[in-house]
Amino acid sequence: MDVRAQLSMVFHLDKCLGCHTCSVACKNVWTDRRGAEYMWWNNVETKPGTGFPTQWEDQDAYRGGWERTGDSLQLRSTGRARVVANIFHHPHLPTIDDYYEPWTYEYERLFTAPQQDDQPTARPISLITGKPMVPEAGPNWDDDLGGSPVYAEHDPNLAALTEIERRELFAIERLVFFYLPRTCNHCLNPACVAACPSGAIYKRGEDGIVLIDQSRCRGWRSCVAACPYKKSFYNWASGKSEKCILCFPRIESGQAPACFHACPGRVRYLGVLLYDADRIRPAASANAGSLVDAQRSMLLDPFDPAVIAEAARCGIAPSTLDAARRSPVDRFVRQWKLALPLHPEFRTVPMLFYVPPLSPSVAHDGEARVSVKYLTSLFGGGDEAPVRYALRKEAAVRASRRAATVGDVDRATVDRLLSDAECSDAEADAIYRMTTLATAGDRFVVPPTFREQAVEMLHEGGR
């Protein structure tokens, strides 16, 4: 057993407002500069929808992530025989049109225009060419257009639905959408790390954050093509690749990342997961219908004496173990089995998990509005069982609270729903409290990073 600690995340989709506050916070802190105008390390998509960049989930087009060949995993986007040729032309690399051409407005014209009969306007100006343009796309261009045939019908996840289910989904009386906030997953088997020819991308040993060493990056853009979530970007001004760094300067000072801190819906949770690094390969290469269970099998119980002893042998600090025991992510993912990885079939073993949305799935009369097949395409990797389990448990918790506060659900129904979800009254109450009443200290459990020791070692080495 090789025990390691990973700083992981959970996003609760039933709570996301679609306000984009997280995206704006990230943009203001990290990508408000030349060459990064089109980058959104954090973005919020409307589902069903095509996302950002357009149809990023279609790996037949983008060839991101890993594919299983026999007993081995191979990068879909590149390989030893293709890496040099891909420098000059990568056929699966997204273009600026797949993202959008960033623009600003000619605001100065509103103040400097000569006197005239008509109100002066601020024309859109390209941030790349500096010339007037007509915006045709943006990072949330299809925002709230979940029922629009222009965008939603082109969602690759709808391929799992029958024609009847697709028609029902877009019927006006059943129209529904939900929000999907996305950022870098800081995967355990990151395709971007494996694809980088210069070795510039690495995974920090102490917390698992995936970073790009700007001094070593040569702008080959293999990471952009290899990432199936398209969360690695190329800075056209600096000639370097960039990505979400999980606000590690804030993490090292005990603070939550900017997007987490800014979220008004309190959708986001951050904490430590303990995992067995020896199980990464089996989990990433599991059969298509068992990827979620295989990923969960890697996770270790921080209360288990055997795990505690092995963690000490592997150099895991006692404070990190304590953080793992208090981790909200461990509860959602390992204990309650409510949170699921996004597209586990990409086989990168992502460390960002989602509590699937219950509200779009079940109407007030109990009738399903979004096919479970659709949610399974997003979060199940071909296996409906973990998605159905999470939805049953969410429904049981909701019924339990309605019985306690509104009184329109009888106790027999609550007991039946709790039994179906394998959930006790105590667990339902704990889920309710973590979902609705948790403080920032409950939602963000950041372990000490001991950066002062690293600085001391650096100074001693310098002497």
Protein backbone atom coordinates (compact mmCIF):
# COMPACT_ATOMS: atom_id res chain seq x y z
CA MET A 1 0.00 0.00 0.00
CA ASP A 2 1.38 3.38 -1.08
CA VAL A 3 -0.66 5.95 0.86
CA ARG A 4 -0.81 9.44 -0.59
CA ALA A 5 -2.87 12.56 0.06
CA GLN A 6 -4.82 14.41 -2.61
CA LEU A 7 -6.51 17.78 -2.25
CA SER A 8 -9.87 17.04 -3.84
CA MET A 9 -13.10 18.86 -4.60
CA VAL A 10 -16.86 18.33 -4.64
CA PHE A 11 -19.39 20.51 -6.49
CA HIS A 12 -23.04 20.16 -5.45
CA LEU A 13 -25.04 20.70 -8.64
CA ASP A 14 -28.41 21.08 -6.92
CA LYS A 15 -27.06 24.28 -5.36
CA CYS A 16 -25.37 25.94 -8.35
CA LEU A 17 -27.04 29.24 -9.28
CA GLY A 18 -25.32 29.68 -12.64
CA CYS A 19 -24.21 33.16 -11.54
CA HIS A 20 -20.63 32.77 -12.88
CA THR A 21 -19.20 34.50 -9.80
CA CYS A 22 -16.59 31.75 -9.57
CA SER A 23 -15.56 32.31 -13.19
CA VAL A 24 -15.24 36.07 -12.75
CA ALA A 25 -13.23 35.66 -9.53
CA CYS A 26 -10.79 33.32 -11.30
CA LYS A 27 -10.58 35.55 -14.36
CA ASN A 28 -9.79 38.64 -12.26
CA VAL A 29 -7.08 36.85 -10.29
CA TRP A 30 -5.33 34.70 -12.90
CA THR A 31 -6.23 35.30 -16.56
CA ASP A 32 -6.91 39.01 -16.91
CA ARG A 33 -3.82 39.64 -19.03
CA ARG A 34 -2.45 39.54 -22.56
CA GLY A 35 -2.52 36.12 -24.17
CA ALA A 36 -4.95 34.74 -21.61
CA GLU A 37 -8.05 36.69 -22.64
CA TYR A 38 -9.84 33.62 -23.99
CA MET A 39 -8.87 31.40 -21.04
CA TRP A 40 -11.44 30.49 -18.43
CA TRP A 41 -9.74 28.19 -15.96
CA ASN A 42 -13.14 28.05 -14.27
CA ASN A 43 -16.30 28.17 -16.34
CA VAL A 44 -19.97 27.32 -15.79
CA GLU A 45 -21.84 25.48 -18.53
CA THR A 46 -25.53 24.89 -19.08
CA LYS A 47 -26.49 21.25 -19.52
CA PRO A 48 -27.77 19.97 -21.86
CA GLY A 49 -25.43 22.08 -23.98
CA THR A 50 -22.24 22.05 -26.01
CA GLY A 51 -19.94 23.59 -23.37
CA PHE A 52 -16.60 25.38 -23.60
CA PRO A 53 -14.76 24.80 -25.87
CA THR A 54 -17.56 23.71 -28.18
CA GLN A 55 -18.36 20.00 -27.78
CA TRP A 56 -15.28 19.38 -25.64
CA GLU A 57 -16.78 16.05 -24.58
CA ASP A 58 -16.58 14.62 -28.10
CA GLN A 59 -13.32 12.67 -27.91
CA ASP A 60 -13.82 11.27 -31.41
CA ALA A 61 -13.04 14.81 -32.51
CA TYR A 62 -10.57 15.96 -29.83
CA ARG A 63 -8.94 12.60 -28.97
CA GLY A 64 -8.26 13.53 -25.34
CA GLY A 65 -7.66 11.26 -22.37
CA TRP A 66 -6.67 7.59 -22.43
CA GLU A 67 -7.91 4.53 -24.26
CA ARG A 68 -7.49 0.95 -23.16
CA THR A 69 -5.68 -1.33 -25.58
CA GLY A 70 -5.66 -4.83 -24.19
CA ASP A 71 -4.19 -4.56 -20.70
CA SER A 72 -2.44 -1.24 -21.32
CA LEU A 73 -3.49 2.41 -21.51
CA GLN A 74 -2.49 4.63 -24.42
CA LEU A 75 -2.89 8.36 -24.91
CA ARG A 76 -5.47 9.04 -27.56
CA SER A 77 -3.90 12.29 -28.77
CA THR A 78 -0.24 11.45 -29.17
CA GLY A 79 2.51 8.85 -28.85
CA ARG A 80 6.22 8.39 -29.43
CA ALA A 81 5.76 8.03 -33.19
CA ARG A 82 3.57 11.15 -33.48
CA VAL A 83 4.99 13.62 -30.98
CA VAL A 84 7.41 15.37 -33.37
CA ALA A 85 4.92 15.61 -36.24
CA ASN A 86 2.29 17.00 -33.89
CA ILE A 87 4.53 19.99 -33.11
CA PHE A 88 3.95 21.37 -36.58
CA HIS A 89 0.33 20.33 -36.98
CA HIS A 90 -1.88 18.65 -34.44
CA PRO A 91 -5.10 17.50 -36.13
CA HIS A 92 -7.05 17.27 -32.87
CA LEU A 93 -5.98 20.54 -31.26
CA PRO A 94 -8.86 22.97 -30.59
CA THR A 95 -8.66 26.26 -32.45
CA ILE A 96 -9.62 29.73 -31.30
CA ASP A 97 -12.97 29.25 -33.05
CA ASP A 98 -13.68 26.24 -30.84
CA TYR A 99 -13.19 28.55 -27.84
CA TYR A 100 -14.11 32.07 -28.98
CA GLU A 101 -12.34 35.19 -30.19
CA PRO A 102 -12.11 37.41 -27.10
CA TRP A 103 -13.21 41.00 -27.42
CA THR A 104 -13.66 44.26 -25.58
CA TYR A 105 -15.61 47.37 -26.48
CA GLU A 106 -14.53 50.70 -27.85
CA TYR A 107 -15.57 52.47 -24.66
CA GLU A 108 -13.46 55.56 -25.36
CA ARG A 109 -15.68 56.36 -28.32
CA LEU A 110 -18.59 56.99 -25.94
CA PHE A 111 -16.66 59.99 -24.56
CA THR A 112 -14.69 61.22 -27.57
CA ALA A 113 -17.26 60.94 -30.37
CA PRO A 114 -18.12 64.30 -32.01
CA GLN A 115 -21.53 65.85 -31.49
CA GLN A 116 -24.10 64.05 -33.62
CA ASP A 117 -27.81 63.27 -33.84
CA ASP A 118 -27.39 59.61 -32.90
CA GLN A 119 -26.08 58.16 -29.64
CA PRO A 120 -22.51 56.92 -30.14
CA THR A 121 -21.96 53.21 -29.62
CA ALA A 122 -19.04 51.19 -28.35
CA ARG A 123 -18.20 48.72 -31.10
CA PRO A 124 -16.75 45.31 -30.18
CA ILE A 125 -12.99 45.14 -30.79
CA SER A 126 -10.99 41.91 -31.00
CA LEU A 127 -8.45 41.52 -28.19
CA ILE A 128 -6.26 39.53 -30.57
CA THR A 129 -6.22 41.61 -33.75
CA GLY A 130 -7.39 44.94 -32.33
CA LYS A 131 -9.88 45.26 -35.20
CA PRO A 132 -13.69 45.60 -35.13
CA MET A 133 -15.49 42.27 -35.05
CA VAL A 134 -18.90 40.68 -34.64
CA PRO A 135 -18.98 38.34 -31.61
CA GLU A 136 -20.28 34.91 -32.56
CA ALA A 137 -19.38 32.82 -29.51
CA GLY A 138 -18.30 33.09 -25.89
CA PRO A 139 -17.43 30.97 -22.86
CA ASN A 140 -21.10 30.79 -21.80
CA TRP A 141 -22.72 31.59 -25.13
CA ASP A 142 -25.49 29.04 -24.63
CA ASP A 143 -26.12 30.10 -21.03
CA ASP A 144 -29.63 29.06 -19.88
CA LEU A 145 -30.46 27.70 -23.36
CA GLY A 146 -30.81 24.12 -22.17
CA GLY A 147 -33.86 23.57 -24.35
CA SER A 148 -32.57 25.32 -27.43
CA PRO A 149 -32.24 23.04 -30.45
CA VAL A 150 -29.34 25.21 -31.60
CA TYR A 151 -27.16 24.21 -28.64
CA ALA A 152 -28.66 21.53 -26.43
CA GLU A 153 -29.43 19.07 -29.23
CA HIS A 154 -25.73 18.98 -30.10
CA ASP A 155 -24.71 17.85 -26.60
CA PRO A 156 -22.62 14.66 -27.11
CA ASN A 157 -24.17 13.12 -23.98
CA LEU A 158 -27.55 12.92 -25.68
CA ALA A 159 -26.24 10.10 -27.86
CA ALA A 160 -27.15 7.68 -25.08
CA LEU A 161 -30.84 8.65 -25.28
CA THR A 162 -33.44 7.17 -27.57
CA GLU A 163 -35.23 9.39 -30.07
CA ILE A 164 -38.36 9.35 -27.90
CA GLU A 165 -36.36 10.40 -24.83
CA ARG A 166 -34.73 13.21 -26.80
CA ARG A 167 -38.12 14.51 -27.99
CA GLU A 168 -39.51 14.36 -24.47
CA LEU A 169 -36.49 16.23 -23.11
CA PHE A 170 -37.09 19.15 -25.47
CA ALA A 171 -40.87 19.27 -25.11
CA ILE A 172 -41.70 22.72 -23.81
CA GLU A 173 -43.71 21.46 -20.83
CA ARG A 174 -40.74 19.32 -19.71
CA LEU A 175 -38.00 21.79 -20.56
CA VAL A 176 -35.15 21.63 -18.05
CA PHE A 177 -31.51 22.49 -17.64
CA PHE A 178 -28.90 22.60 -14.90
CA TYR A 179 -25.48 24.18 -14.43
CA LEU A 180 -22.15 22.40 -14.57
CA PRO A 181 -19.22 24.42 -13.14
CA ARG A 182 -15.87 23.08 -14.35
CA THR A 183 -12.24 23.57 -13.50
CA CYS A 184 -9.09 21.45 -13.68
CA ASN A 185 -9.69 18.04 -12.09
CA HIS A 186 -6.07 17.63 -10.87
CA CYS A 187 -6.35 13.99 -11.91
CA LEU A 188 -4.48 11.04 -10.42
CA ASN A 189 -3.68 9.75 -13.93
CA PRO A 190 -3.39 13.08 -15.79
CA ALA A 191 -3.09 12.78 -19.55
CA CYS A 192 -1.53 16.26 -19.72
CA VAL A 193 1.42 15.15 -17.58
CA ALA A 194 2.01 12.04 -19.68
CA ALA A 195 1.75 13.92 -22.97
CA CYS A 196 4.19 16.78 -22.21
CA PRO A 197 7.40 16.13 -24.19
CA SER A 198 9.46 18.58 -22.12
CA GLY A 199 8.37 17.27 -18.72
CA ALA A 200 7.12 20.69 -17.71
CA ILE A 201 3.87 19.43 -16.15
CA TYR A 202 4.10 17.69 -12.81
CA LYS A 203 1.93 16.63 -9.88
CA ARG A 204 2.93 17.96 -6.45
CA GLY A 205 3.71 15.17 -4.04
CA GLU A 206 2.32 16.85 -0.94
CA ASP A 207 -1.19 17.64 -2.21
CA GLY A 208 -1.55 16.32 -5.77
CA ILE A 209 -2.01 19.72 -7.44
CA VAL A 210 -1.02 19.55 -11.12
CA LEU A 211 1.17 22.48 -12.22
CA ILE A 212 3.11 23.62 -15.30
CA ASP A 213 6.72 24.73 -14.83
CA GLN A 214 6.82 27.86 -16.99
CA SER A 215 10.62 27.78 -17.22
CA ARG A 216 10.53 24.31 -18.81
CA CYS A 217 7.43 24.68 -21.00
CA ARG A 218 8.29 24.92 -24.70
CA GLY A 219 4.77 25.55 -25.95
CA TRP A 220 4.36 22.19 -27.68
CA ARG A 221 0.65 22.22 -26.71
CA SER A 222 0.53 18.45 -26.32
CA CYS A 223 -1.14 19.02 -22.94
CA VAL A 224 -3.96 20.98 -24.57
CA ALA A 225 -4.77 18.14 -26.92
CA ALA A 226 -4.29 15.40 -24.31
CA CYS A 227 -6.55 16.90 -21.62
CA PRO A 228 -10.04 15.49 -22.31
CA TYR A 229 -11.63 18.26 -20.24
CA LYS A 230 -9.75 20.93 -22.22
CA LYS A 231 -8.54 22.70 -19.08
CA SER A 232 -4.99 23.28 -20.31
CA PHE A 233 -4.64 26.42 -22.43
CA TYR A 234 -2.00 27.92 -24.70
CA ASN A 235 -0.96 31.52 -24.09
CA TRP A 236 -0.38 32.94 -27.57
CA ALA A 237 1.52 35.95 -26.18
CA SER A 238 4.06 34.10 -24.00
CA GLY A 239 4.24 30.89 -26.02
CA LYS A 240 3.59 28.83 -22.86
CA SER A 241 0.81 26.54 -21.72
CA GLU A 242 -1.18 27.48 -18.63
CA LYS A 243 -3.84 25.89 -16.45
CA CYS A 244 -5.67 26.10 -13.12
CA ILE A 245 -3.21 25.95 -10.21
CA LEU A 246 -5.96 25.48 -7.58
CA CYS A 247 -4.82 28.82 -6.13
CA PHE A 248 -1.93 27.06 -4.39
CA PRO A 249 -0.61 30.33 -2.91
CA ARG A 250 -3.94 30.62 -1.10
CA ILE A 251 -3.88 26.92 -0.17
CA GLU A 252 -0.42 27.33 1.34
CA SER A 253 -1.70 30.12 3.56
CA GLY A 254 -4.70 28.06 4.70
CA GLN A 255 -7.29 29.74 2.47
CA ALA A 256 -9.76 28.29 -0.01
CA PRO A 257 -9.16 28.93 -3.75
CA ALA A 258 -10.66 32.13 -5.12
CA CYS A 259 -13.51 30.42 -6.99
CA PHE A 260 -14.43 28.43 -3.86
CA HIS A 261 -14.30 31.51 -1.64
CA ALA A 262 -16.43 33.60 -4.02
CA CYS A 263 -19.24 31.07 -4.60
CA PRO A 264 -22.50 32.58 -3.25
CA GLY A 265 -24.38 29.28 -3.56
CA ARG A 266 -21.87 27.48 -1.33
CA VAL A 267 -21.69 24.78 -3.98
CA ARG A 268 -18.02 23.91 -3.46
CA TYR A 269 -16.24 21.71 -0.96
CA LEU A 270 -12.50 21.17 -0.59
CA GLY A 271 -10.70 18.55 1.43
CA VAL A 272 -8.16 15.74 1.57
CA LEU A 273 -8.64 12.25 0.19
CA LEU A 274 -6.25 9.44 1.06
CA TYR A 275 -5.67 6.95 -1.74
CA ASP A 276 -3.51 3.96 -2.58
CA ALA A 277 -1.18 4.95 -5.43
CA ASP A 278 -0.63 1.25 -6.23
CA ARG A 279 -4.26 1.08 -7.39
CA ILE A 280 -4.10 3.95 -9.90
CA ARG A 281 -3.37 1.74 -12.90
CA PRO A 282 -6.09 -0.85 -12.12
CA ALA A 283 -8.62 1.94 -11.50
CA ALA A 284 -7.77 3.76 -14.73
CA SER A 285 -7.87 0.58 -16.82
CA ALA A 286 -11.05 -0.92 -15.31
CA ASN A 287 -13.91 -2.09 -17.49
CA ALA A 288 -16.19 0.63 -18.82
CA GLY A 289 -19.08 -0.37 -16.57
CA SER A 290 -17.10 -0.33 -13.33
CA LEU A 291 -14.99 2.81 -13.50
CA VAL A 292 -16.75 4.65 -10.65
CA ASP A 293 -16.46 1.69 -8.29
CA ALA A 294 -12.84 1.15 -9.33
CA GLN A 295 -12.00 4.77 -8.52
CA ARG A 296 -13.74 4.54 -5.15
CA SER A 297 -11.81 1.35 -4.36
CA MET A 298 -8.60 3.41 -4.36
CA LEU A 299 -9.78 5.62 -1.53
CA LEU A 300 -8.61 4.79 1.98
CA ASP A 301 -10.33 5.16 5.32
CA PRO A 302 -8.41 7.76 7.40
CA PHE A 303 -9.86 6.19 10.57
CA ASP A 304 -8.49 2.70 9.78
CA PRO A 305 -5.51 1.88 12.08
CA ALA A 306 -3.78 -0.02 9.27
CA VAL A 307 -4.10 2.98 6.95
CA ILE A 308 -2.88 5.32 9.69
CA ALA A 309 0.21 3.18 10.29
CA GLU A 310 0.97 2.88 6.58
CA ALA A 311 0.39 6.62 6.06
CA ALA A 312 2.99 7.37 8.74
CA ARG A 313 5.44 5.07 6.98
CA CYS A 314 4.79 6.88 3.69
CA GLY A 315 5.51 10.28 5.25
CA ILE A 316 1.93 11.58 5.57
CA ALA A 317 1.94 14.20 8.33
CA PRO A 318 -0.41 13.72 11.31
CA SER A 319 -2.01 17.08 10.51
CA THR A 320 -2.84 15.84 7.00
CA LEU A 321 -4.40 12.71 8.47
CA ASP A 322 -6.48 14.89 10.79
CA ALA A 323 -7.60 16.96 7.80
CA ALA A 324 -8.56 13.77 5.96
CA ARG A 325 -10.75 12.72 8.89
CA ARG A 326 -12.55 16.09 8.80
CA SER A 327 -12.68 16.25 5.00
CA PRO A 328 -16.12 17.00 3.51
CA VAL A 329 -14.92 15.44 0.26
CA ASP A 330 -14.22 12.12 2.00
CA ARG A 331 -17.77 12.15 3.32
CA PHE A 332 -19.42 12.94 -0.01
CA VAL A 333 -17.29 10.57 -2.08
CA ARG A 334 -16.22 7.63 0.08
CA GLN A 335 -18.64 7.51 3.01
CA TRP A 336 -21.94 8.73 1.56
CA LYS A 337 -21.21 7.81 -2.09
CA LEU A 338 -23.11 10.88 -3.24
CA ALA A 339 -20.43 12.55 -5.36
CA LEU A 340 -19.33 11.12 -8.73
CA PRO A 341 -16.46 11.88 -11.13
CA LEU A 342 -17.14 13.68 -14.41
CA HIS A 343 -16.64 11.39 -17.41
CA PRO A 344 -14.66 8.62 -15.70
CA GLU A 345 -14.46 6.91 -19.10
CA PHE A 346 -11.68 9.37 -19.98
CA ARG A 347 -9.59 7.28 -17.55
CA THR A 348 -7.68 10.18 -16.02
CA VAL A 349 -9.10 9.39 -12.55
CA PRO A 350 -10.33 12.96 -11.88
CA MET A 351 -10.27 14.35 -8.35
CA LEU A 352 -13.19 16.75 -8.85
CA PHE A 353 -16.50 15.10 -7.98
CA TYR A 354 -20.11 16.16 -8.52
CA VAL A 355 -23.28 15.55 -6.55
CA PRO A 356 -25.70 14.97 -9.47
CA PRO A 357 -28.68 17.33 -9.67
CA LEU A 358 -31.87 15.91 -8.23
CA SER A 359 -34.21 18.76 -9.09
CA PRO A 360 -34.05 18.40 -12.89
CA SER A 361 -34.34 14.63 -12.53
CA VAL A 362 -37.54 14.47 -10.50
CA ALA A 363 -40.51 16.80 -10.91
CA HIS A 364 -42.91 17.64 -8.09
CA ASP A 365 -45.07 14.67 -9.05
CA GLY A 366 -42.13 12.27 -9.01
CA GLU A 367 -41.97 11.93 -12.79
CA ALA A 368 -38.46 11.95 -14.28
CA ARG A 369 -37.69 15.00 -16.38
CA VAL A 370 -34.09 14.20 -17.37
CA SER A 371 -33.26 10.65 -18.35
CA VAL A 372 -30.91 8.90 -15.94
CA LYS A 373 -29.11 7.79 -19.09
CA TYR A 374 -28.07 11.39 -19.64
CA LEU A 375 -26.69 11.78 -16.12
CA THR A 376 -25.00 8.40 -16.47
CA SER A 377 -23.27 9.63 -19.62
CA LEU A 378 -21.91 12.52 -17.56
CA PHE A 379 -21.08 10.85 -14.26
CA GLY A 380 -21.45 7.08 -14.55
CA GLY A 381 -19.00 6.00 -17.23
CA GLY A 382 -21.66 3.65 -18.59
CA ASP A 383 -22.86 2.40 -15.20
CA GLU A 384 -26.27 3.63 -14.03
CA ALA A 385 -26.01 2.05 -10.56
CA PRO A 386 -23.89 4.72 -8.80
CA VAL A 387 -25.97 7.53 -10.38
CA ARG A 388 -29.26 5.95 -9.33
CA TYR A 389 -27.89 5.33 -5.83
CA ALA A 390 -26.87 8.98 -5.44
CA LEU A 391 -30.26 10.20 -6.67
CA ARG A 392 -32.11 7.82 -4.33
CA LYS A 393 -30.11 9.06 -1.36
CA GLU A 394 -30.69 12.72 -2.31
CA ALA A 395 -34.42 12.04 -2.62
CA ALA A 396 -34.45 10.30 0.76
CA VAL A 397 -32.71 13.23 2.45
CA ARG A 398 -35.14 15.66 0.84
CA ALA A 399 -38.15 13.63 1.94
CA SER A 400 -36.74 13.36 5.46
CA ARG A 401 -36.40 17.13 5.74
CA ARG A 402 -39.87 17.76 4.26
CA ALA A 403 -41.34 15.41 6.83
CA ALA A 404 -39.55 17.31 9.61
CA THR A 405 -40.25 20.87 8.43
CA VAL A 406 -43.28 20.87 6.11
CA GLY A 407 -45.08 17.75 7.25
CA ASP A 408 -46.37 16.73 3.82
CA VAL A 409 -44.44 13.42 3.75
CA ASP A 410 -45.49 10.63 6.12
CA ARG A 411 -43.00 8.67 8.18
CA ALA A 412 -43.66 5.40 6.35
CA THR A 413 -42.61 7.02 3.07
CA VAL A 414 -39.48 8.46 4.65
CA ASP A 415 -38.53 5.07 6.11
CA ARG A 416 -39.07 3.40 2.74
CA LEU A 417 -36.94 5.96 0.88
CA LEU A 418 -34.17 5.81 3.49
CA SER A 419 -34.17 2.01 3.32
CA ASP A 420 -33.99 2.05 -0.49
CA ALA A 421 -31.02 4.44 -0.29
CA GLU A 422 -29.31 2.42 2.47
CA CYS A 423 -29.34 5.60 4.54
CA SER A 424 -29.96 6.01 8.26
CA ASP A 425 -31.68 8.96 9.94
CA ALA A 426 -28.33 10.06 11.37
CA GLU A 427 -26.66 9.97 7.96
CA ALA A 428 -29.54 11.85 6.34
CA ASP A 429 -29.24 14.54 9.00
CA ALA A 430 -25.46 14.75 8.48
CA ILE A 431 -25.93 15.12 4.71
CA TYR A 432 -28.54 17.82 5.24
CA ARG A 433 -26.28 19.76 7.59
CA MET A 434 -23.24 19.50 5.32
CA THR A 435 -25.34 20.53 2.33
CA THR A 436 -27.22 23.48 3.83
CA LEU A 437 -25.81 24.55 7.19
CA ALA A 438 -22.07 23.98 6.84
CA THR A 439 -19.76 26.91 7.60
CA ALA A 440 -16.68 27.79 5.56
CA GLY A 441 -14.60 25.86 8.09
CA ASP A 442 -16.73 22.78 7.42
CA ARG A 443 -16.66 23.12 3.64
CA PHE A 444 -12.98 23.97 3.22
CA VAL A 445 -10.62 21.78 5.22
CA VAL A 446 -7.13 22.78 4.09
CA PRO A 447 -4.26 20.91 5.78
CA PRO A 448 -1.07 22.76 6.78
CA THR A 449 1.52 22.75 4.00
CA PHE A 450 4.63 23.44 6.10
CA ARG A 451 6.03 25.74 3.41
CA GLU A 452 8.22 27.41 6.02
CA GLN A 453 10.17 24.16 6.33
CA ALA A 454 10.73 24.08 2.57
CA VAL A 455 12.02 27.65 2.68
CA GLU A 456 14.38 26.76 5.52
CA MET A 457 15.70 23.77 3.59
CA LEU A 458 16.21 25.98 0.53
CA HIS A 459 18.19 28.51 2.56
CA GLU A 460 20.27 25.78 4.18
CA GLY A 461 21.02 24.34 0.78
CA GLY A 462 22.01 27.78 -0.45
CA ARG A 463 24.60 28.04 2.29
